[in-house]
C-alpha atoms as a PDB file:
ATOM      1  CA  UNK A   1      15.726  18.873 -13.178  1.00  0.00           C
ATOM      2  CA  UNK A   2      14.835  18.535  -9.493  1.00  0.00           C
ATOM      3  CA  UNK A   3      18.510  18.647  -8.581  1.00  0.00           C
ATOM      4  CA  UNK A   4      18.927  21.930 -10.480  1.00  0.00           C
ATOM      5  CA  UNK A   5      15.946  23.431  -8.649  1.00  0.00           C
ATOM      6  CA  UNK A   6      17.429  22.384  -5.305  1.00  0.00           C
ATOM      7  CA  UNK A   7      20.715  24.022  -6.297  1.00  0.00           C
ATOM      8  CA  UNK A   8      19.018  27.284  -7.285  1.00  0.00           C
ATOM      9  CA  UNK A   9      17.071  27.350  -4.015  1.00  0.00           C
ATOM     10  CA  UNK A  10      20.227  26.581  -2.011  1.00  0.00           C
ATOM     11  CA  UNK A  11      22.212  29.392  -3.675  1.00  0.00           C
ATOM     12  CA  UNK A  12      19.315  31.800  -3.154  1.00  0.00           C
ATOM     13  CA  UNK A  13      19.055  31.014   0.561  1.00  0.00           C
ATOM     14  CA  UNK A  14      22.817  31.325   1.030  1.00  0.00           C
ATOM     15  CA  UNK A  15      22.884  34.708  -0.695  1.00  0.00           C
ATOM     16  CA  UNK A  16      19.865  35.885   1.282  1.00  0.00           C
ATOM     17  CA  UNK A  17      21.387  34.892   4.619  1.00  0.00           C
ATOM     18  CA  UNK A  18      24.712  36.514   3.747  1.00  0.00           C
ATOM     19  CA  UNK A  19      23.064  39.743   2.666  1.00  0.00           C
ATOM     20  CA  UNK A  20      21.279  39.950   6.022  1.00  0.00           C
ATOM     21  CA  UNK A  21      24.388  39.016   7.971  1.00  0.00           C
ATOM     22  CA  UNK A  22      26.577  41.607   6.235  1.00  0.00           C
ATOM     23  CA  UNK A  23      24.039  44.216   7.285  1.00  0.00           C
ATOM     24  CA  UNK A  24      24.283  43.039  10.873  1.00  0.00           C
ATOM     25  CA  UNK A  25      21.306  41.200  12.264  1.00  0.00           C
ATOM     26  CA  UNK A  26      20.588  40.987  15.992  1.00  0.00           C
ATOM     27  CA  UNK A  27      18.963  37.874  17.434  1.00  0.00           C
ATOM     28  CA  UNK A  28      17.809  37.946  21.017  1.00  0.00           C
ATOM     29  CA  UNK A  29      15.532  37.051  23.891  1.00  0.00           C
ATOM     30  CA  UNK A  30      13.421  39.214  26.168  1.00  0.00           C
ATOM     31  CA  UNK A  31      11.658  38.902  29.507  1.00  0.00           C
ATOM     32  CA  UNK A  32       9.336  41.189  31.406  1.00  0.00           C
ATOM     33  CA  UNK A  33       5.721  41.699  32.422  1.00  0.00           C
ATOM     34  CA  UNK A  34       2.391  42.192  30.666  1.00  0.00           C
ATOM     35  CA  UNK A  35      -0.386  44.202  32.244  1.00  0.00           C
ATOM     36  CA  UNK A  36      -3.803  45.337  31.107  1.00  0.00           C
ATOM     37  CA  UNK A  37      -5.869  48.541  30.976  1.00  0.00           C
ATOM     38  CA  UNK A  38      -9.632  48.499  30.525  1.00  0.00           C
ATOM     39  CA  UNK A  39     -12.806  47.994  32.545  1.00  0.00           C
ATOM     40  CA  UNK A  40     -10.961  46.619  35.589  1.00  0.00           C
ATOM     41  CA  UNK A  41      -8.072  49.077  35.455  1.00  0.00           C
ATOM     42  CA  UNK A  42      -8.455  52.579  34.061  1.00  0.00           C
ATOM     43  CA  UNK A  43      -4.987  54.045  34.565  1.00  0.00           C
ATOM     44  CA  UNK A  44      -2.755  52.218  37.067  1.00  0.00           C
ATOM     45  CA  UNK A  45       0.644  51.205  35.582  1.00  0.00           C
ATOM     46  CA  UNK A  46       1.747  47.605  36.208  1.00  0.00           C
ATOM     47  CA  UNK A  47      -1.699  46.588  37.400  1.00  0.00           C
ATOM     48  CA  UNK A  48      -1.948  42.812  37.979  1.00  0.00           C
ATOM     49  CA  UNK A  49       1.367  42.063  36.180  1.00  0.00           C
ATOM     50  CA  UNK A  50       2.001  38.698  34.527  1.00  0.00           C
ATOM     51  CA  UNK A  51       5.323  37.260  33.401  1.00  0.00           C
ATOM     52  CA  UNK A  52       6.093  37.553  29.675  1.00  0.00           C
ATOM     53  CA  UNK A  53       8.941  36.260  27.507  1.00  0.00           C
ATOM     54  CA  UNK A  54       9.827  36.254  23.833  1.00  0.00           C
ATOM     55  CA  UNK A  55      12.346  36.166  21.016  1.00  0.00           C
ATOM     56  CA  UNK A  56      13.325  38.993  18.675  1.00  0.00           C
ATOM     57  CA  UNK A  57      14.998  39.561  15.318  1.00  0.00           C
ATOM     58  CA  UNK A  58      16.351  43.054  14.558  1.00  0.00           C
ATOM     59  CA  UNK A  59      17.529  44.186  11.136  1.00  0.00           C
ATOM     60  CA  UNK A  60      19.682  47.311  11.469  1.00  0.00           C
ATOM     61  CA  UNK A  61      19.126  49.416   8.354  1.00  0.00           C
ATOM     62  CA  UNK A  62      21.753  51.963   9.428  1.00  0.00           C
ATOM     63  CA  UNK A  63      22.959  53.645  12.625  1.00  0.00           C
ATOM     64  CA  UNK A  64      19.600  55.398  13.140  1.00  0.00           C
ATOM     65  CA  UNK A  65      16.909  53.041  11.860  1.00  0.00           C
ATOM     66  CA  UNK A  66      16.045  49.407  12.506  1.00  0.00           C
ATOM     67  CA  UNK A  67      13.205  46.974  11.859  1.00  0.00           C
ATOM     68  CA  UNK A  68      12.342  44.424  14.525  1.00  0.00           C
ATOM     69  CA  UNK A  69      10.169  41.333  14.549  1.00  0.00           C
ATOM     70  CA  UNK A  70       9.267  39.603  17.798  1.00  0.00           C
ATOM     71  CA  UNK A  71       7.087  36.844  19.209  1.00  0.00           C
ATOM     72  CA  UNK A  72       5.991  37.376  22.809  1.00  0.00           C
ATOM     73  CA  UNK A  73       4.077  35.106  25.176  1.00  0.00           C
ATOM     74  CA  UNK A  74       2.416  36.269  28.374  1.00  0.00           C
ATOM     75  CA  UNK A  75      -0.943  36.718  30.079  1.00  0.00           C
ATOM     76  CA  UNK A  76      -3.452  39.390  31.102  1.00  0.00           C
ATOM     77  CA  UNK A  77      -5.739  39.439  34.123  1.00  0.00           C
ATOM     78  CA  UNK A  78      -7.936  41.686  36.236  1.00  0.00           C
ATOM     79  CA  UNK A  79     -10.339  41.546  39.154  1.00  0.00           C
ATOM     80  CA  UNK A  80     -12.873  43.874  40.725  1.00  0.00           C
ATOM     81  CA  UNK A  81     -11.786  42.626  44.140  1.00  0.00           C
ATOM     82  CA  UNK A  82      -8.512  44.576  43.738  1.00  0.00           C
ATOM     83  CA  UNK A  83     -10.332  47.888  43.220  1.00  0.00           C
ATOM     84  CA  UNK A  84     -11.163  50.569  45.774  1.00  0.00           C
ATOM     85  CA  UNK A  85     -14.293  51.431  43.792  1.00  0.00           C
ATOM     86  CA  UNK A  86     -17.541  50.548  45.543  1.00  0.00           C
ATOM     87  CA  UNK A  87     -19.211  49.856  42.199  1.00  0.00           C
ATOM     88  CA  UNK A  88     -16.484  47.428  41.131  1.00  0.00           C
ATOM     89  CA  UNK A  89     -16.593  45.647  44.470  1.00  0.00           C
ATOM     90  CA  UNK A  90     -20.321  45.081  43.975  1.00  0.00           C
ATOM     91  CA  UNK A  91     -19.878  44.041  40.349  1.00  0.00           C
ATOM     92  CA  UNK A  92     -17.303  41.470  41.530  1.00  0.00           C
ATOM     93  CA  UNK A  93     -16.125  40.223  38.126  1.00  0.00           C
ATOM     94  CA  UNK A  94     -12.703  39.001  37.016  1.00  0.00           C
ATOM     95  CA  UNK A  95     -10.891  37.645  33.977  1.00  0.00           C
ATOM     96  CA  UNK A  96      -7.671  35.923  32.957  1.00  0.00           C
ATOM     97  CA  UNK A  97      -6.313  35.008  29.533  1.00  0.00           C
ATOM     98  CA  UNK A  98      -3.066  33.817  28.010  1.00  0.00           C
ATOM     99  CA  UNK A  99      -1.567  36.072  25.354  1.00  0.00           C
ATOM    100  CA  UNK A 100       0.726  35.588  22.387  1.00  0.00           C
ATOM    101  CA  UNK A 101       1.568  38.419  20.025  1.00  0.00           C
ATOM    102  CA  UNK A 102       3.488  38.758  16.778  1.00  0.00           C
ATOM    103  CA  UNK A 103       4.877  42.262  16.379  1.00  0.00           C
ATOM    104  CA  UNK A 104       6.611  44.062  13.534  1.00  0.00           C
ATOM    105  CA  UNK A 105       7.966  47.451  14.561  1.00  0.00           C
ATOM    106  CA  UNK A 106      10.240  50.194  13.321  1.00  0.00           C
ATOM    107  CA  UNK A 107      12.805  51.771  15.630  1.00  0.00           C
ATOM    108  CA  UNK A 108      14.333  55.252  15.442  1.00  0.00           C
ATOM    109  CA  UNK A 109      17.520  55.817  17.460  1.00  0.00           C
ATOM    110  CA  UNK A 110      18.002  59.291  18.938  1.00  0.00           C
ATOM    111  CA  UNK A 111      21.781  58.876  18.636  1.00  0.00           C
ATOM    112  CA  UNK A 112      23.914  57.018  16.133  1.00  0.00           C
ATOM    113  CA  UNK A 113      24.116  53.382  17.228  1.00  0.00           C
ATOM    114  CA  UNK A 114      27.380  51.797  16.058  1.00  0.00           C
ATOM    115  CA  UNK A 115      28.819  48.776  17.916  1.00  0.00           C
ATOM    116  CA  UNK A 116      32.293  49.267  16.394  1.00  0.00           C
ATOM    117  CA  UNK A 117      32.538  52.783  17.885  1.00  0.00           C
ATOM    118  CA  UNK A 118      32.800  52.825  21.683  1.00  0.00           C
ATOM    119  CA  UNK A 119      31.391  56.378  21.754  1.00  0.00           C
ATOM    120  CA  UNK A 120      28.247  55.352  19.870  1.00  0.00           C
ATOM    121  CA  UNK A 121      27.205  52.187  21.666  1.00  0.00           C
ATOM    122  CA  UNK A 122      24.272  53.615  23.623  1.00  0.00           C
ATOM    123  CA  UNK A 123      21.022  55.293  22.585  1.00  0.00           C
ATOM    124  CA  UNK A 124      17.391  55.824  23.567  1.00  0.00           C
ATOM    125  CA  UNK A 125      14.857  55.056  20.823  1.00  0.00           C
ATOM    126  CA  UNK A 126      11.175  55.212  19.941  1.00  0.00           C
ATOM    127  CA  UNK A 127       9.251  52.342  18.380  1.00  0.00           C
ATOM    128  CA  UNK A 128       5.910  51.841  16.638  1.00  0.00           C
ATOM    129  CA  UNK A 129       4.429  49.195  14.363  1.00  0.00           C
ATOM    130  CA  UNK A 130       1.751  46.528  13.947  1.00  0.00           C
ATOM    131  CA  UNK A 131       0.750  43.563  16.127  1.00  0.00           C
ATOM    132  CA  UNK A 132      -1.352  40.467  15.584  1.00  0.00           C
ATOM    133  CA  UNK A 133      -2.251  38.828  18.876  1.00  0.00           C
ATOM    134  CA  UNK A 134      -4.178  35.874  20.230  1.00  0.00           C
ATOM    135  CA  UNK A 135      -6.001  36.041  23.559  1.00  0.00           C
ATOM    136  CA  UNK A 136      -7.467  32.587  23.996  1.00  0.00           C
ATOM    137  CA  UNK A 137     -10.123  33.299  26.630  1.00  0.00           C
ATOM    138  CA  UNK A 138     -12.177  35.919  24.749  1.00  0.00           C
ATOM    139  CA  UNK A 139     -15.103  35.643  22.268  1.00  0.00           C
ATOM    140  CA  UNK A 140     -12.913  36.690  19.319  1.00  0.00           C
ATOM    141  CA  UNK A 141      -9.372  35.583  20.196  1.00  0.00           C
ATOM    142  CA  UNK A 142      -7.657  36.790  17.001  1.00  0.00           C
ATOM    143  CA  UNK A 143      -7.089  40.544  17.106  1.00  0.00           C
ATOM    144  CA  UNK A 144      -4.771  43.311  15.910  1.00  0.00           C
ATOM    145  CA  UNK A 145      -3.190  46.199  17.789  1.00  0.00           C
ATOM    146  CA  UNK A 146      -0.965  49.232  17.286  1.00  0.00           C
ATOM    147  CA  UNK A 147       2.147  49.113  19.516  1.00  0.00           C
ATOM    148  CA  UNK A 148       4.215  52.178  20.402  1.00  0.00           C
ATOM    149  CA  UNK A 149       6.768  52.889  23.076  1.00  0.00           C
ATOM    150  CA  UNK A 150      10.216  53.914  24.248  1.00  0.00           C
ATOM    151  CA  UNK A 151      13.399  51.977  24.748  1.00  0.00           C
ATOM    152  CA  UNK A 152      17.066  52.162  25.637  1.00  0.00           C
ATOM    153  CA  UNK A 153      19.779  49.923  24.216  1.00  0.00           C
ATOM    154  CA  UNK A 154      23.480  49.498  24.779  1.00  0.00           C
ATOM    155  CA  UNK A 155      26.152  47.470  22.973  1.00  0.00           C
ATOM    156  CA  UNK A 156      28.346  45.806  25.569  1.00  0.00           C
ATOM    157  CA  UNK A 157      30.820  45.032  22.784  1.00  0.00           C
ATOM    158  CA  UNK A 158      30.635  44.491  19.025  1.00  0.00           C
ATOM    159  CA  UNK A 159      28.462  41.376  19.374  1.00  0.00           C
ATOM    160  CA  UNK A 160      26.322  41.647  22.500  1.00  0.00           C
ATOM    161  CA  UNK A 161      23.765  44.241  23.517  1.00  0.00           C
ATOM    162  CA  UNK A 162      21.258  44.746  26.299  1.00  0.00           C
ATOM    163  CA  UNK A 163      18.300  47.065  26.604  1.00  0.00           C
ATOM    164  CA  UNK A 164      14.947  47.878  28.119  1.00  0.00           C
ATOM    165  CA  UNK A 165      11.642  48.749  26.491  1.00  0.00           C
ATOM    166  CA  UNK A 166       8.153  49.826  27.550  1.00  0.00           C
ATOM    167  CA  UNK A 167       5.358  49.545  24.999  1.00  0.00           C
ATOM    168  CA  UNK A 168       1.608  50.129  24.987  1.00  0.00           C
ATOM    169  CA  UNK A 169      -0.659  48.241  22.606  1.00  0.00           C
ATOM    170  CA  UNK A 170      -3.846  49.946  21.437  1.00  0.00           C
ATOM    171  CA  UNK A 171      -6.357  47.239  20.575  1.00  0.00           C
ATOM    172  CA  UNK A 172      -9.616  47.521  18.658  1.00  0.00           C
ATOM    173  CA  UNK A 173     -11.695  45.299  20.915  1.00  0.00           C
ATOM    174  CA  UNK A 174     -13.519  45.834  24.201  1.00  0.00           C
ATOM    175  CA  UNK A 175     -13.684  42.144  25.075  1.00  0.00           C
ATOM    176  CA  UNK A 176     -10.190  41.190  26.237  1.00  0.00           C
ATOM    177  CA  UNK A 177     -11.534  41.433  29.787  1.00  0.00           C
ATOM    178  CA  UNK A 178     -14.904  39.867  28.816  1.00  0.00           C
ATOM    179  CA  UNK A 179     -16.638  43.069  29.958  1.00  0.00           C
ATOM    180  CA  UNK A 180     -18.263  45.609  27.652  1.00  0.00           C
ATOM    181  CA  UNK A 181     -21.113  48.120  27.885  1.00  0.00           C
ATOM    182  CA  UNK A 182     -24.233  46.062  28.419  1.00  0.00           C
ATOM    183  CA  UNK A 183     -24.881  43.195  30.764  1.00  0.00           C
ATOM    184  CA  UNK A 184     -25.734  39.867  29.165  1.00  0.00           C
ATOM    185  CA  UNK A 185     -27.646  38.280  32.031  1.00  0.00           C
ATOM    186  CA  UNK A 186     -31.100  39.718  32.828  1.00  0.00           C
ATOM    187  CA  UNK A 187     -30.928  38.140  36.262  1.00  0.00           C
ATOM    188  CA  UNK A 188     -28.041  40.398  37.334  1.00  0.00           C
ATOM    189  CA  UNK A 189     -28.787  42.714  40.299  1.00  0.00           C
ATOM    190  CA  UNK A 190     -30.450  46.077  39.674  1.00  0.00           C
ATOM    191  CA  UNK A 191     -27.486  48.008  41.066  1.00  0.00           C
ATOM    192  CA  UNK A 192     -25.615  47.220  37.836  1.00  0.00           C
ATOM    193  CA  UNK A 193     -28.190  49.459  36.142  1.00  0.00           C
ATOM    194  CA  UNK A 194     -28.002  47.513  32.878  1.00  0.00           C
ATOM    195  CA  UNK A 195     -24.412  48.600  32.348  1.00  0.00           C
ATOM    196  CA  UNK A 196     -21.239  46.894  33.480  1.00  0.00           C
ATOM    197  CA  UNK A 197     -18.620  48.787  31.451  1.00  0.00           C
ATOM    198  CA  UNK A 198     -17.854  51.436  28.842  1.00  0.00           C
ATOM    199  CA  UNK A 199     -18.363  50.051  25.331  1.00  0.00           C
ATOM    200  CA  UNK A 200     -16.781  53.183  23.783  1.00  0.00           C
ATOM    201  CA  UNK A 201     -13.427  52.588  25.480  1.00  0.00           C
ATOM    202  CA  UNK A 202     -11.330  49.849  23.899  1.00  0.00           C
ATOM    203  CA  UNK A 203      -8.947  47.694  25.923  1.00  0.00           C
ATOM    204  CA  UNK A 204      -5.191  48.238  26.015  1.00  0.00           C
ATOM    205  CA  UNK A 205      -2.276  46.170  27.238  1.00  0.00           C
ATOM    206  CA  UNK A 206       1.375  46.853  27.887  1.00  0.00           C
ATOM    207  CA  UNK A 207       4.714  45.046  27.846  1.00  0.00           C
ATOM    208  CA  UNK A 208       7.675  46.234  29.893  1.00  0.00           C
ATOM    209  CA  UNK A 209      10.762  44.147  29.190  1.00  0.00           C
ATOM    210  CA  UNK A 210      14.504  43.816  29.166  1.00  0.00           C
ATOM    211  CA  UNK A 211      16.275  42.150  26.245  1.00  0.00           C
ATOM    212  CA  UNK A 212      19.609  40.613  25.377  1.00  0.00           C
ATOM    213  CA  UNK A 213      20.834  40.253  21.776  1.00  0.00           C
ATOM    214  CA  UNK A 214      23.696  38.710  19.832  1.00  0.00           C
ATOM    215  CA  UNK A 215      24.874  40.243  16.570  1.00  0.00           C
ATOM    216  CA  UNK A 216      25.337  37.928  13.582  1.00  0.00           C
ATOM    217  CA  UNK A 217      28.176  39.008  11.335  1.00  0.00           C
ATOM    218  CA  UNK A 218      29.976  37.052   8.601  1.00  0.00           C
ATOM    219  CA  UNK A 219      32.925  37.794   6.361  1.00  0.00           C
ATOM    220  CA  UNK A 220      32.045  39.472   3.081  1.00  0.00           C
ATOM    221  CA  UNK A 221      34.408  37.449   0.918  1.00  0.00           C
ATOM    222  CA  UNK A 222      32.765  34.043   1.106  1.00  0.00           C
ATOM    223  CA  UNK A 223      33.121  31.824  -1.985  1.00  0.00           C
ATOM    224  CA  UNK A 224      30.040  30.814  -3.935  1.00  0.00           C
ATOM    225  CA  UNK A 225      28.873  27.272  -3.051  1.00  0.00           C
ATOM    226  CA  UNK A 226      30.171  24.680  -5.515  1.00  0.00           C
ATOM    227  CA  UNK A 227      28.048  22.530  -7.778  1.00  0.00           C
ATOM    228  CA  UNK A 228      27.806  18.854  -6.954  1.00  0.00           C
END
């Protein structure tokens, strides 16, 4: 009985992998930088950048739509000492945290993206989805975010592609940087005026990256695995 169950599971996994492969799956790696936006940085792009890297899995639904899963590892940091603001210089706080995020996103290609057609191997795209991330140096390290961004991808040939992407992640926490609206230490100087940040403004972070992928493709006419 156990042998039959193993056989059923084996056949199921083979059929599942072939169905994905026939629809052309991209596996790849990415590298880039993370940076943060919040109490220490209101609007400056690529503020205090930290190296980030990850792996990705893209399922191409058709020439216009794709679904992508990725796991990214990086870090976020900020410091009042880098600011030109007199208030921030007096506040003199800083933070640093490692970051790992798990992202599921949909991609829409502006042009048809077909590796077999040399005239359709390049396209800009937009992306949006859902992220679960872990920032280990904050009071509540497990958080969710909404990622959205722009990208550009190009098939070098029928198997390999390269691209670049810039995404922002809207989080629902104000504590990535360990700074929120009210001070927590009554012994802090009076010039902080009982407020060290804006509790109504949630933190954001960004990932700018380049990626390299390899397309998995198998023959359609593969015999069914034999019984043993």
